Amino acid sequence: MSARRIGPPPESVRALEVDGDISLYDRSSQRALMLNGTASAIWRLADGERTLDEVIAELASSYHADAGAIRTDVERTVRDLVDAGFLPA
């Protein structure tokens, strides 16, 4: 998974940002999802240009965290977004 690019979201997915948090809505499945601040940061980086490793590195730098310490949480969030249909597999 680490070498695969993350995103971009399907065209049916719309994102609305309110106070730094992002709400997602998929018109095709009529599903909605509210992301917390950390998941919102991951979503912003899931543009199809970055790999999972690059997303983790950018987040680690932004949050002054060890990349190894946040890897599992980032992987889980990306997997959850894929499983929910908000990011492509």
PDB file of N, CA and C in Angstrom:
ATOM      1  N   MET A   1       0.821  -1.200   0.000  1.00  0.00           N
ATOM      2  CA  MET A   1       0.000   0.000   0.000  1.00  0.00           C
ATOM      3  C   MET A   1       0.858   1.254   0.000  1.00  0.00           C
ATOM      4  N   SER A   2       2.068   1.217   0.545  1.00  0.00           N
ATOM      5  CA  SER A   2       2.860   2.419   0.745  1.00  0.00           C
ATOM      6  C   SER A   2       3.333   3.058  -0.559  1.00  0.00           C
ATOM      7  N   ALA A   3       3.515   2.282  -1.637  1.00  0.00           N
ATOM      8  CA  ALA A   3       3.978   2.842  -2.897  1.00  0.00           C
ATOM      9  C   ALA A   3       2.818   3.286  -3.792  1.00  0.00           C
ATOM     10  N   ARG A   4       1.632   2.875  -3.446  1.00  0.00           N
ATOM     11  CA  ARG A   4       0.444   3.224  -4.239  1.00  0.00           C
ATOM     12  C   ARG A   4       0.024   4.656  -3.946  1.00  0.00           C
ATOM     13  N   ARG A   5      -0.374   5.360  -4.970  1.00  0.00           N
ATOM     14  CA  ARG A   5      -0.856   6.733  -4.781  1.00  0.00           C
ATOM     15  C   ARG A   5      -2.231   6.690  -4.107  1.00  0.00           C
ATOM     16  N   ILE A   6      -2.480   7.661  -3.258  1.00  0.00           N
ATOM     17  CA  ILE A   6      -3.726   7.733  -2.502  1.00  0.00           C
ATOM     18  C   ILE A   6      -4.625   8.771  -3.152  1.00  0.00           C
ATOM     19  N   GLY A   7      -5.826   8.342  -3.599  1.00  0.00           N
ATOM     20  CA  GLY A   7      -6.765   9.242  -4.248  1.00  0.00           C
ATOM     21  C   GLY A   7      -6.517   9.257  -5.744  1.00  0.00           C
ATOM     22  N   PRO A   8      -7.121  10.205  -6.407  1.00  0.00           N
ATOM     23  CA  PRO A   8      -8.075  11.189  -5.904  1.00  0.00           C
ATOM     24  C   PRO A   8      -9.443  10.552  -5.678  1.00  0.00           C
ATOM     25  N   PRO A   9     -10.311  11.256  -4.972  1.00  0.00           N
ATOM     26  CA  PRO A   9     -11.646  10.706  -4.720  1.00  0.00           C
ATOM     27  C   PRO A   9     -12.454  10.609  -6.019  1.00  0.00           C
ATOM     28  N   PRO A  10     -13.455   9.733  -6.029  1.00  0.00           N
ATOM     29  CA  PRO A  10     -14.340   9.650  -7.189  1.00  0.00           C
ATOM     30  C   PRO A  10     -15.048  10.978  -7.424  1.00  0.00           C
ATOM     31  N   GLU A  11     -15.450  11.225  -8.659  1.00  0.00           N
ATOM     32  CA  GLU A  11     -16.133  12.483  -8.994  1.00  0.00           C
ATOM     33  C   GLU A  11     -17.456  12.656  -8.247  1.00  0.00           C
ATOM     34  N   SER A  12     -18.045  11.561  -7.796  1.00  0.00           N
ATOM     35  CA  SER A  12     -19.326  11.643  -7.091  1.00  0.00           C
ATOM     36  C   SER A  12     -19.176  12.136  -5.654  1.00  0.00           C
ATOM     37  N   VAL A  13     -17.940  12.227  -5.161  1.00  0.00           N
ATOM     38  CA  VAL A  13     -17.701  12.642  -3.777  1.00  0.00           C
ATOM     39  C   VAL A  13     -17.485  14.148  -3.709  1.00  0.00           C
ATOM     40  N   ARG A  14     -18.207  14.764  -2.803  1.00  0.00           N
ATOM     41  CA  ARG A  14     -18.073  16.200  -2.544  1.00  0.00           C
ATOM     42  C   ARG A  14     -17.586  16.385  -1.126  1.00  0.00           C
ATOM     43  N   ALA A  15     -16.733  17.380  -0.938  1.00  0.00           N
ATOM     44  CA  ALA A  15     -16.194  17.686   0.386  1.00  0.00           C
ATOM     45  C   ALA A  15     -16.580  19.113   0.751  1.00  0.00           C
ATOM     46  N   LEU A  16     -16.981  19.292   1.991  1.00  0.00           N
ATOM     47  CA  LEU A  16     -17.328  20.611   2.517  1.00  0.00           C
ATOM     48  C   LEU A  16     -16.528  20.810   3.792  1.00  0.00           C
ATOM     49  N   GLU A  17     -15.762  21.886   3.841  1.00  0.00           N
ATOM     50  CA  GLU A  17     -14.947  22.161   5.019  1.00  0.00           C
ATOM     51  C   GLU A  17     -15.625  23.218   5.885  1.00  0.00           C
ATOM     52  N   VAL A  18     -15.770  22.900   7.172  1.00  0.00           N
ATOM     53  CA  VAL A  18     -16.350  23.816   8.147  1.00  0.00           C
ATOM     54  C   VAL A  18     -15.441  23.820   9.373  1.00  0.00           C
ATOM     55  N   ASP A  19     -14.909  24.980   9.700  1.00  0.00           N
ATOM     56  CA  ASP A  19     -14.038  25.130  10.869  1.00  0.00           C
ATOM     57  C   ASP A  19     -12.888  24.131  10.887  1.00  0.00           C
ATOM     58  N   GLY A  20     -12.303  23.852   9.727  1.00  0.00           N
ATOM     59  CA  GLY A  20     -11.143  22.977   9.650  1.00  0.00           C
ATOM     60  C   GLY A  20     -11.437  21.501   9.517  1.00  0.00           C
ATOM     61  N   ASP A  21     -12.674  21.091   9.751  1.00  0.00           N
ATOM     62  CA  ASP A  21     -13.057  19.691   9.593  1.00  0.00           C
ATOM     63  C   ASP A  21     -13.819  19.535   8.279  1.00  0.00           C
ATOM     64  N   ILE A  22     -13.695  18.368   7.694  1.00  0.00           N
ATOM     65  CA  ILE A  22     -14.302  18.120   6.391  1.00  0.00           C
ATOM     66  C   ILE A  22     -15.443  17.124   6.530  1.00  0.00           C
ATOM     67  N   SER A  23     -16.552  17.439   5.853  1.00  0.00           N
ATOM     68  CA  SER A  23     -17.678  16.516   5.711  1.00  0.00           C
ATOM     69  C   SER A  23     -17.684  16.036   4.270  1.00  0.00           C
ATOM     70  N   LEU A  24     -17.873  14.739   4.089  1.00  0.00           N
ATOM     71  CA  LEU A  24     -17.902  14.147   2.760  1.00  0.00           C
ATOM     72  C   LEU A  24     -19.303  13.654   2.439  1.00  0.00           C
ATOM     73  N   TYR A  25     -19.662  13.760   1.170  1.00  0.00           N
ATOM     74  CA  TYR A  25     -20.932  13.216   0.709  1.00  0.00           C
ATOM     75  C   TYR A  25     -20.690  12.563  -0.649  1.00  0.00           C
ATOM     76  N   ASP A  26     -21.117  11.325  -0.784  1.00  0.00           N
ATOM     77  CA  ASP A  26     -21.010  10.603  -2.045  1.00  0.00           C
ATOM     78  C   ASP A  26     -22.396  10.526  -2.663  1.00  0.00           C
ATOM     79  N   ARG A  27     -22.564  11.242  -3.768  1.00  0.00           N
ATOM     80  CA  ARG A  27     -23.879  11.278  -4.434  1.00  0.00           C
ATOM     81  C   ARG A  27     -24.306   9.912  -4.935  1.00  0.00           C
ATOM     82  N   SER A  28     -23.348   9.090  -5.378  1.00  0.00           N
ATOM     83  CA  SER A  28     -23.736   7.800  -5.954  1.00  0.00           C
ATOM     84  C   SER A  28     -24.267   6.829  -4.903  1.00  0.00           C
ATOM     85  N   SER A  29     -23.688   6.846  -3.718  1.00  0.00           N
ATOM     86  CA  SER A  29     -24.150   5.934  -2.662  1.00  0.00           C
ATOM     87  C   SER A  29     -25.051   6.627  -1.644  1.00  0.00           C
ATOM     88  N   GLN A  30     -25.125   7.947  -1.730  1.00  0.00           N
ATOM     89  CA  GLN A  30     -25.879   8.787  -0.787  1.00  0.00           C
ATOM     90  C   GLN A  30     -25.381   8.602   0.644  1.00  0.00           C
ATOM     91  N   ARG A  31     -24.071   8.370   0.778  1.00  0.00           N
ATOM     92  CA  ARG A  31     -23.446   8.226   2.096  1.00  0.00           C
ATOM     93  C   ARG A  31     -22.754   9.531   2.460  1.00  0.00           C
ATOM     94  N   ALA A  32     -22.770   9.822   3.740  1.00  0.00           N
ATOM     95  CA  ALA A  32     -22.085  11.005   4.259  1.00  0.00           C
ATOM     96  C   ALA A  32     -21.135  10.571   5.369  1.00  0.00           C
ATOM     97  N   LEU A  33     -20.083  11.361   5.548  1.00  0.00           N
ATOM     98  CA  LEU A  33     -19.092  11.052   6.568  1.00  0.00           C
ATOM     99  C   LEU A  33     -18.480  12.354   7.060  1.00  0.00           C
ATOM    100  N   MET A  34     -18.399  12.523   8.370  1.00  0.00           N
ATOM    101  CA  MET A  34     -17.763  13.688   8.976  1.00  0.00           C
ATOM    102  C   MET A  34     -16.379  13.275   9.446  1.00  0.00           C
ATOM    103  N   LEU A  35     -15.357  13.972   8.986  1.00  0.00           N
ATOM    104  CA  LEU A  35     -13.988  13.666   9.364  1.00  0.00           C
ATOM    105  C   LEU A  35     -13.534  14.563  10.508  1.00  0.00           C
ATOM    106  N   ASN A  36     -12.746  14.006  11.414  1.00  0.00           N
ATOM    107  CA  ASN A  36     -12.160  14.840  12.462  1.00  0.00           C
ATOM    108  C   ASN A  36     -10.957  15.582  11.875  1.00  0.00           C
ATOM    109  N   GLY A  37     -10.274  16.352  12.681  1.00  0.00           N
ATOM    110  CA  GLY A  37      -9.170  17.168  12.198  1.00  0.00           C
ATOM    111  C   GLY A  37      -8.050  16.369  11.559  1.00  0.00           C
ATOM    112  N   THR A  38      -7.664  15.272  12.181  1.00  0.00           N
ATOM    113  CA  THR A  38      -6.579  14.455  11.652  1.00  0.00           C
ATOM    114  C   THR A  38      -6.996  13.774  10.357  1.00  0.00           C
ATOM    115  N   ALA A  39      -8.185  13.206  10.319  1.00  0.00           N
ATOM    116  CA  ALA A  39      -8.675  12.567   9.091  1.00  0.00           C
ATOM    117  C   ALA A  39      -8.844  13.602   7.982  1.00  0.00           C
ATOM    118  N   SER A  40      -9.223  14.822   8.350  1.00  0.00           N
ATOM    119  CA  SER A  40      -9.341  15.902   7.368  1.00  0.00           C
ATOM    120  C   SER A  40      -7.982  16.223   6.760  1.00  0.00           C
ATOM    121  N   ALA A  41      -6.931  16.219   7.579  1.00  0.00           N
ATOM    122  CA  ALA A  41      -5.581  16.473   7.078  1.00  0.00           C
ATOM    123  C   ALA A  41      -5.163  15.373   6.098  1.00  0.00           C
ATOM    124  N   ILE A  42      -5.495  14.134   6.408  1.00  0.00           N
ATOM    125  CA  ILE A  42      -5.190  13.020   5.505  1.00  0.00           C
ATOM    126  C   ILE A  42      -5.959  13.197   4.204  1.00  0.00           C
ATOM    127  N   TRP A  43      -7.233  13.541   4.289  1.00  0.00           N
ATOM    128  CA  TRP A  43      -8.077  13.737   3.108  1.00  0.00           C
ATOM    129  C   TRP A  43      -7.482  14.798   2.179  1.00  0.00           C
ATOM    130  N   ARG A  44      -7.023  15.893   2.735  1.00  0.00           N
ATOM    131  CA  ARG A  44      -6.463  16.973   1.922  1.00  0.00           C
ATOM    132  C   ARG A  44      -5.242  16.503   1.118  1.00  0.00           C
ATOM    133  N   LEU A  45      -4.516  15.538   1.654  1.00  0.00           N
ATOM    134  CA  LEU A  45      -3.320  15.036   0.981  1.00  0.00           C
ATOM    135  C   LEU A  45      -3.614  13.892   0.013  1.00  0.00           C
ATOM    136  N   ALA A  46      -4.817  13.364   0.045  1.00  0.00           N
ATOM    137  CA  ALA A  46      -5.206  12.224  -0.805  1.00  0.00           C
ATOM    138  C   ALA A  46      -5.667  12.721  -2.171  1.00  0.00           C
ATOM    139  N   ASP A  47      -4.734  13.336  -2.901  1.00  0.00           N
ATOM    140  CA  ASP A  47      -5.065  13.984  -4.164  1.00  0.00           C
ATOM    141  C   ASP A  47      -4.674  13.178  -5.392  1.00  0.00           C
ATOM    142  N   GLY A  48      -4.157  11.969  -5.178  1.00  0.00           N
ATOM    143  CA  GLY A  48      -3.728  11.138  -6.291  1.00  0.00           C
ATOM    144  C   GLY A  48      -2.300  11.416  -6.721  1.00  0.00           C
ATOM    145  N   GLU A  49      -1.679  12.413  -6.139  1.00  0.00           N
ATOM    146  CA  GLU A  49      -0.302  12.764  -6.464  1.00  0.00           C
ATOM    147  C   GLU A  49       0.694  12.167  -5.480  1.00  0.00           C
ATOM    148  N   ARG A  50       0.248  11.848  -4.282  1.00  0.00           N
ATOM    149  CA  ARG A  50       1.134  11.382  -3.222  1.00  0.00           C
ATOM    150  C   ARG A  50       0.909   9.901  -2.919  1.00  0.00           C
ATOM    151  N   THR A  51       1.990   9.226  -2.545  1.00  0.00           N
ATOM    152  CA  THR A  51       1.894   7.847  -2.078  1.00  0.00           C
ATOM    153  C   THR A  51       1.572   7.878  -0.588  1.00  0.00           C
ATOM    154  N   LEU A  52       1.241   6.719  -0.048  1.00  0.00           N
ATOM    155  CA  LEU A  52       0.976   6.623   1.378  1.00  0.00           C
ATOM    156  C   LEU A  52       2.199   7.080   2.174  1.00  0.00           C
ATOM    157  N   ASP A  53       3.387   6.662   1.761  1.00  0.00           N
ATOM    158  CA  ASP A  53       4.601   7.065   2.469  1.00  0.00           C
ATOM    159  C   ASP A  53       4.773   8.587   2.450  1.00  0.00           C
ATOM    160  N   GLU A  54       4.458   9.216   1.330  1.00  0.00           N
ATOM    161  CA  GLU A  54       4.569  10.678   1.238  1.00  0.00           C
ATOM    162  C   GLU A  54       3.543  11.370   2.128  1.00  0.00           C
ATOM    163  N   VAL A  55       2.334  10.824   2.175  1.00  0.00           N
ATOM    164  CA  VAL A  55       1.299  11.381   3.055  1.00  0.00           C
ATOM    165  C   VAL A  55       1.758  11.295   4.511  1.00  0.00           C
ATOM    166  N   ILE A  56       2.270  10.136   4.888  1.00  0.00           N
ATOM    167  CA  ILE A  56       2.747   9.946   6.261  1.00  0.00           C
ATOM    168  C   ILE A  56       3.885  10.910   6.570  1.00  0.00           C
ATOM    169  N   ALA A  57       4.820  11.060   5.647  1.00  0.00           N
ATOM    170  CA  ALA A  57       5.956  11.962   5.867  1.00  0.00           C
ATOM    171  C   ALA A  57       5.488  13.409   6.026  1.00  0.00           C
ATOM    172  N   GLU A  58       4.540  13.841   5.200  1.00  0.00           N
ATOM    173  CA  GLU A  58       4.038  15.218   5.309  1.00  0.00           C
ATOM    174  C   GLU A  58       3.310  15.435   6.628  1.00  0.00           C
ATOM    175  N   LEU A  59       2.511  14.471   7.032  1.00  0.00           N
ATOM    176  CA  LEU A  59       1.798  14.603   8.302  1.00  0.00           C
ATOM    177  C   LEU A  59       2.764  14.587   9.479  1.00  0.00           C
ATOM    178  N   ALA A  60       3.752  13.722   9.426  1.00  0.00           N
ATOM    179  CA  ALA A  60       4.740  13.654  10.502  1.00  0.00           C
ATOM    180  C   ALA A  60       5.459  14.990  10.638  1.00  0.00           C
ATOM    181  N   SER A  61       5.788  15.582   9.521  1.00  0.00           N
ATOM    182  CA  SER A  61       6.458  16.881   9.549  1.00  0.00           C
ATOM    183  C   SER A  61       5.528  17.968  10.089  1.00  0.00           C
ATOM    184  N   SER A  62       4.298  17.973   9.627  1.00  0.00           N
ATOM    185  CA  SER A  62       3.326  18.993  10.060  1.00  0.00           C
ATOM    186  C   SER A  62       3.017  18.912  11.547  1.00  0.00           C
ATOM    187  N   TYR A  63       2.907  17.673  12.047  1.00  0.00           N
ATOM    188  CA  TYR A  63       2.535  17.466  13.448  1.00  0.00           C
ATOM    189  C   TYR A  63       3.748  17.248  14.360  1.00  0.00           C
ATOM    190  N   HIS A  64       4.952  17.361  13.781  1.00  0.00           N
ATOM    191  CA  HIS A  64       6.183  17.130  14.550  1.00  0.00           C
ATOM    192  C   HIS A  64       6.120  15.782  15.268  1.00  0.00           C
ATOM    193  N   ALA A  65       5.763  14.762  14.496  1.00  0.00           N
ATOM    194  CA  ALA A  65       5.599  13.407  15.036  1.00  0.00           C
ATOM    195  C   ALA A  65       6.537  12.455  14.302  1.00  0.00           C
ATOM    196  N   ASP A  66       6.789  11.333  14.911  1.00  0.00           N
ATOM    197  CA  ASP A  66       7.579  10.283  14.291  1.00  0.00           C
ATOM    198  C   ASP A  66       6.707   9.555  13.262  1.00  0.00           C
ATOM    199  N   ALA A  67       7.215   9.422  12.033  1.00  0.00           N
ATOM    200  CA  ALA A  67       6.437   8.778  10.971  1.00  0.00           C
ATOM    201  C   ALA A  67       6.025   7.360  11.354  1.00  0.00           C
ATOM    202  N   GLY A  68       6.895   6.635  12.005  1.00  0.00           N
ATOM    203  CA  GLY A  68       6.565   5.275  12.427  1.00  0.00           C
ATOM    204  C   GLY A  68       5.445   5.235  13.439  1.00  0.00           C
ATOM    205  N   ALA A  69       5.388   6.259  14.276  1.00  0.00           N
ATOM    206  CA  ALA A  69       4.361   6.301  15.319  1.00  0.00           C
ATOM    207  C   ALA A  69       2.972   6.580  14.762  1.00  0.00           C
ATOM    208  N   ILE A  70       2.891   7.288  13.625  1.00  0.00           N
ATOM    209  CA  ILE A  70       1.570   7.633  13.084  1.00  0.00           C
ATOM    210  C   ILE A  70       1.148   6.727  11.926  1.00  0.00           C
ATOM    211  N   ARG A  71       2.068   5.906  11.438  1.00  0.00           N
ATOM    212  CA  ARG A  71       1.793   5.079  10.252  1.00  0.00           C
ATOM    213  C   ARG A  71       0.517   4.254  10.393  1.00  0.00           C
ATOM    214  N   THR A  72       0.355   3.538  11.490  1.00  0.00           N
ATOM    215  CA  THR A  72      -0.806   2.654  11.654  1.00  0.00           C
ATOM    216  C   THR A  72      -2.109   3.447  11.600  1.00  0.00           C
ATOM    217  N   ASP A  73      -2.143   4.602  12.259  1.00  0.00           N
ATOM    218  CA  ASP A  73      -3.364   5.417  12.252  1.00  0.00           C
ATOM    219  C   ASP A  73      -3.671   5.956  10.862  1.00  0.00           C
ATOM    220  N   VAL A  74      -2.647   6.396  10.134  1.00  0.00           N
ATOM    221  CA  VAL A  74      -2.864   6.909   8.778  1.00  0.00           C
ATOM    222  C   VAL A  74      -3.330   5.778   7.860  1.00  0.00           C
ATOM    223  N   GLU A  75      -2.683   4.632   7.942  1.00  0.00           N
ATOM    224  CA  GLU A  75      -3.098   3.481   7.124  1.00  0.00           C
ATOM    225  C   GLU A  75      -4.540   3.097   7.413  1.00  0.00           C
ATOM    226  N   ARG A  76      -4.917   3.073   8.686  1.00  0.00           N
ATOM    227  CA  ARG A  76      -6.290   2.711   9.056  1.00  0.00           C
ATOM    228  C   ARG A  76      -7.286   3.737   8.501  1.00  0.00           C
ATOM    229  N   THR A  77      -6.964   5.014   8.605  1.00  0.00           N
ATOM    230  CA  THR A  77      -7.868   6.058   8.104  1.00  0.00           C
ATOM    231  C   THR A  77      -8.036   5.938   6.598  1.00  0.00           C
ATOM    232  N   VAL A  78      -6.945   5.742   5.880  1.00  0.00           N
ATOM    233  CA  VAL A  78      -7.034   5.578   4.421  1.00  0.00           C
ATOM    234  C   VAL A  78      -7.847   4.334   4.084  1.00  0.00           C
ATOM    235  N   ARG A  79      -7.598   3.237   4.782  1.00  0.00           N
ATOM    236  CA  ARG A  79      -8.365   2.002   4.545  1.00  0.00           C
ATOM    237  C   ARG A  79      -9.848   2.229   4.800  1.00  0.00           C
ATOM    238  N   ASP A  80     -10.179   2.939   5.876  1.00  0.00           N
ATOM    239  CA  ASP A  80     -11.585   3.233   6.187  1.00  0.00           C
ATOM    240  C   ASP A  80     -12.228   4.074   5.084  1.00  0.00           C
ATOM    241  N   LEU A  81     -11.496   5.057   4.561  1.00  0.00           N
ATOM    242  CA  LEU A  81     -12.027   5.897   3.484  1.00  0.00           C
ATOM    243  C   LEU A  81     -12.228   5.087   2.209  1.00  0.00           C
ATOM    244  N   VAL A  82     -11.312   4.169   1.936  1.00  0.00           N
ATOM    245  CA  VAL A  82     -11.461   3.279   0.769  1.00  0.00           C
ATOM    246  C   VAL A  82     -12.652   2.346   0.971  1.00  0.00           C
ATOM    247  N   ASP A  83     -12.730   1.720   2.146  1.00  0.00           N
ATOM    248  CA  ASP A  83     -13.820   0.782   2.424  1.00  0.00           C
ATOM    249  C   ASP A  83     -15.190   1.461   2.358  1.00  0.00           C
ATOM    250  N   ALA A  84     -15.248   2.728   2.737  1.00  0.00           N
ATOM    251  CA  ALA A  84     -16.513   3.471   2.712  1.00  0.00           C
ATOM    252  C   ALA A  84     -16.829   4.025   1.318  1.00  0.00           C
ATOM    253  N   GLY A  85     -15.885   3.878   0.370  1.00  0.00           N
ATOM    254  CA  GLY A  85     -16.123   4.317  -1.006  1.00  0.00           C
ATOM    255  C   GLY A  85     -15.757   5.768  -1.277  1.00  0.00           C
ATOM    256  N   PHE A  86     -15.117   6.428  -0.331  1.00  0.00           N
ATOM    257  CA  PHE A  86     -14.767   7.834  -0.525  1.00  0.00           C
ATOM    258  C   PHE A  86     -13.414   8.014  -1.218  1.00  0.00           C
ATOM    259  N   LEU A  87     -12.605   6.949  -1.259  1.00  0.00           N
ATOM    260  CA  LEU A  87     -11.357   6.928  -2.019  1.00  0.00           C
ATOM    261  C   LEU A  87     -11.333   5.643  -2.827  1.00  0.00           C
ATOM    262  N   PRO A  88     -10.685   5.666  -3.996  1.00  0.00           N
ATOM    263  CA  PRO A  88     -10.610   4.445  -4.809  1.00  0.00           C
ATOM    264  C   PRO A  88      -9.690   3.401  -4.179  1.00  0.00           C
ATOM    265  N   ALA A  89      -9.993   2.164  -4.451  1.00  0.00           N
ATOM    266  CA  ALA A  89      -9.164   1.045  -3.936  1.00  0.00           C
ATOM    267  C   ALA A  89      -7.864   0.950  -4.682  1.00  0.00           C
TER     268      ALA A  89
END
